[in-house]
Protein backbone atom coordinates (compact mmCIF):
# COMPACT_ATOMS: atom_id res chain seq x y z
CA MET A 1 25.36 6.35 51.89
CA SER A 2 23.98 2.95 50.92
CA ASP A 3 25.51 -0.36 51.92
CA ASP A 4 26.30 -1.19 48.27
CA VAL A 5 28.40 1.97 47.91
CA LYS A 6 30.23 1.24 51.17
CA ASP A 7 30.90 -2.35 50.09
CA ALA A 8 32.22 -1.24 46.70
CA GLY A 9 34.54 1.25 48.41
CA LEU A 10 35.82 -1.39 50.82
CA VAL A 11 36.41 -3.87 47.99
CA ALA A 12 38.33 -1.22 46.01
CA MET A 13 40.45 -0.31 49.04
CA ILE A 14 41.25 -3.95 49.84
CA SER A 15 42.04 -4.62 46.19
CA SER A 16 44.44 -1.66 46.04
CA ILE A 17 46.10 -2.73 49.31
CA LEU A 18 46.59 -6.26 48.06
CA GLY A 19 47.82 -5.02 44.70
CA GLY A 20 44.98 -6.42 42.65
CA GLY A 21 46.30 -9.99 42.82
CA LYS A 22 49.86 -9.04 41.83
CA ARG A 23 52.72 -9.77 44.19
CA ALA A 24 55.12 -6.97 45.14
CA ASP A 25 58.10 -9.34 44.67
CA SER A 26 57.59 -9.47 40.92
CA MET A 27 57.76 -5.68 40.56
CA THR A 28 61.03 -4.10 39.54
CA PRO A 29 61.96 -0.54 40.43
CA PRO A 30 62.27 1.95 37.60
CA PRO A 31 65.79 2.62 36.30
CA LEU A 32 67.60 5.66 37.66
CA ALA A 33 69.78 8.01 35.66
CA GLU A 34 73.57 8.19 36.20
CA VAL A 35 73.67 11.99 36.34
CA PRO A 36 74.17 14.30 39.30
CA PRO A 37 70.92 15.22 41.06
CA THR A 38 68.98 18.29 40.07
CA ALA A 39 66.18 19.81 42.06
CA PRO A 40 64.46 23.17 42.18
CA SER A 41 66.51 25.83 43.90
CA ASN A 42 65.61 26.00 47.57
CA GLY A 43 67.93 28.76 48.77
CA PHE A 44 70.91 26.54 49.52
CA GLU A 45 72.73 27.15 46.27
CA ALA A 46 75.16 30.02 45.83
CA VAL A 47 73.82 33.04 44.01
CA ALA A 48 76.10 35.13 41.83
CA VAL A 49 76.40 38.71 43.02
CA PRO A 50 76.63 41.38 40.29
CA ALA A 51 80.01 43.05 39.71
CA PRO A 52 79.50 46.13 41.91
CA LEU A 53 79.51 44.95 45.51
CA ALA A 54 78.19 48.27 46.77
CA ILE A 55 74.91 49.98 46.03
CA PRO A 56 75.11 53.77 45.84
CA ILE A 57 72.57 55.50 48.09
CA ARG A 58 71.97 59.24 48.13
CA ARG A 59 71.78 60.75 51.58
CA ASP A 60 70.03 63.90 50.48
CA ASP A 61 68.29 65.19 47.41
CA SER A 62 70.93 67.70 46.35
CA PRO A 63 72.52 66.94 42.96
CA ASP A 64 76.04 67.69 44.23
CA ALA A 65 75.98 65.13 47.04
CA ALA A 66 78.18 62.10 46.47
CA PRO A 67 76.43 58.76 46.80
CA ALA A 68 77.37 56.75 49.88
CA ALA A 69 78.27 53.11 49.29
CA VAL A 70 76.50 50.44 51.35
CA PRO A 71 78.15 46.99 51.18
CA VAL A 72 76.07 44.05 49.99
CA GLU A 73 76.44 40.71 51.74
CA GLN A 74 78.01 37.91 49.71
CA ALA A 75 75.83 34.85 49.23
CA ALA A 76 76.88 31.92 51.38
CA LYS A 77 78.96 29.32 49.55
CA ILE A 78 78.05 25.66 49.81
CA ALA A 79 80.52 23.78 51.99
CA THR A 80 82.19 20.76 50.43
CA THR A 81 84.10 17.82 51.82
CA ALA A 82 87.70 16.94 50.96
CA ASP A 83 86.47 14.51 48.29
CA GLY A 84 84.24 17.14 46.64
CA ARG A 85 80.83 16.17 47.99
CA LYS A 86 78.46 18.96 49.02
CA LEU A 87 77.57 19.30 52.70
CA LEU A 88 73.80 19.90 52.89
CA PRO A 89 71.27 19.91 55.74
CA ALA A 90 68.70 17.11 55.94
CA GLU A 91 65.92 19.30 54.50
CA ALA A 92 67.96 20.08 51.39
CA ILE A 93 68.82 16.42 50.84
CA ALA A 94 65.15 15.49 51.29
CA ASP A 95 64.28 18.06 48.59
CA LEU A 96 66.90 16.49 46.29
CA VAL A 97 65.53 12.99 46.86
CA LEU A 98 61.97 14.17 46.30
CA GLY A 99 63.07 16.03 43.15
CA GLU A 100 64.66 12.87 41.76
CA LEU A 101 61.58 10.80 42.62
CA ARG A 102 59.32 13.30 40.86
CA LYS A 103 61.13 12.43 37.62
CA LEU A 104 59.74 8.88 37.81
CA GLU A 105 56.59 7.95 35.95
CA ASP A 106 53.30 8.15 37.93
CA PHE A 107 54.89 9.84 40.96
CA PRO A 108 52.17 11.80 42.81
CA ALA A 109 52.25 15.59 42.55
CA SER A 110 51.39 15.91 46.25
CA GLY A 111 51.09 13.69 49.28
CA ALA A 112 54.63 12.30 49.32
CA SER A 113 57.09 13.13 52.08
CA VAL A 114 60.79 12.24 52.37
CA THR A 115 62.62 12.09 55.71
CA VAL A 116 66.44 12.02 55.79
CA TYR A 117 68.09 10.49 58.83
CA GLY A 118 71.46 9.12 59.94
CA TYR A 119 74.95 10.58 60.03
CA ARG A 120 77.85 9.41 57.88
CA HIS A 121 75.78 6.99 55.86
CA TRP A 122 72.54 8.93 55.78
CA ASN A 123 69.39 7.27 54.57
CA ALA A 124 65.95 8.38 53.42
CA MET A 125 62.43 7.19 54.05
CA ILE A 126 59.39 7.98 51.92
CA THR A 127 55.82 8.13 53.16
CA PHE A 128 52.61 8.69 51.24
CA ALA A 129 49.38 10.36 52.32
CA PRO A 130 46.26 8.22 52.00
CA PHE A 131 44.93 8.04 48.44
CA SER A 132 47.92 9.94 46.99
CA THR A 133 49.09 6.91 45.00
CA SER A 134 48.28 3.25 44.48
CA PHE A 135 49.85 0.44 46.48
CA HIS A 136 51.56 -0.84 43.34
CA ASN A 137 53.19 2.53 42.59
CA ALA A 138 54.14 3.15 46.23
CA THR A 139 55.92 -0.21 46.25
CA ARG A 140 57.80 0.68 43.06
CA PHE A 141 58.93 4.02 44.54
CA ARG A 142 60.01 2.41 47.81
CA GLN A 143 62.02 -0.19 45.89
CA ALA A 144 63.71 2.60 43.93
CA MET A 145 64.75 4.49 47.09
CA PRO A 146 67.85 2.44 48.04
CA ASP A 147 69.39 2.87 44.57
CA LEU A 148 68.58 6.56 44.54
CA VAL A 149 70.06 7.12 48.01
CA PHE A 150 73.18 5.15 47.08
CA LYS A 151 73.72 7.34 44.01
CA LEU A 152 73.01 10.61 45.86
CA ARG A 153 75.51 9.71 48.60
CA ARG A 154 78.25 10.03 45.97
CA PHE A 155 77.37 13.72 45.50
CA VAL A 156 76.10 14.97 48.87
CA GLU A 157 76.85 14.40 52.54
CA LEU A 158 74.64 15.21 55.52
CA GLU A 159 75.64 18.36 57.37
CA ILE A 160 75.56 18.05 61.13
C-alpha cells in the first residue's frame, strides 16, 4: 500500500472522528415516538395455545384403539408489576432498546450493541463496532438514548 493511500485513509478517519468540522453540541437527537415499544419476538412473549390442550397419540396401529391424551405445556406468561409494567430480563430489554433504535434514520444494520444495567432505575449503554457508523450518527444515537430509556422505563422493569 502506498503512502498516499495510507495518508488519505488517516485523513478520512481523523475527519470522521472530529465530525468533519461540526461540533457534537449543535446536534440534536432525533424525535422519539410516544407509543409503547415494539420489537421482534424473541421468545419472551406469551404464545396462544390452540383450544385443545391435549394432543391425541395412538399407542398402536389398530383402528379400535382409543387415542391417549398427552398434555401440552402452557406458554409462560409475562410477569407484570403492580402498576402494570412488564418484568423482563436484561437481554429482552436490550432487544427492545435496539429495536427502537433501529427505527431511527441511518441506524446501522449490524455492529451496534446495547447493554442494560442497573436495578430499579435500569439504564442502557450503546456501543458501535469500528466502521459500523459515522461519528456524527453515533453521537446522534447516543444523545437519543436517555430519552428512549426514560420512555421505555414506563413500560418495562428489569427482572432480577
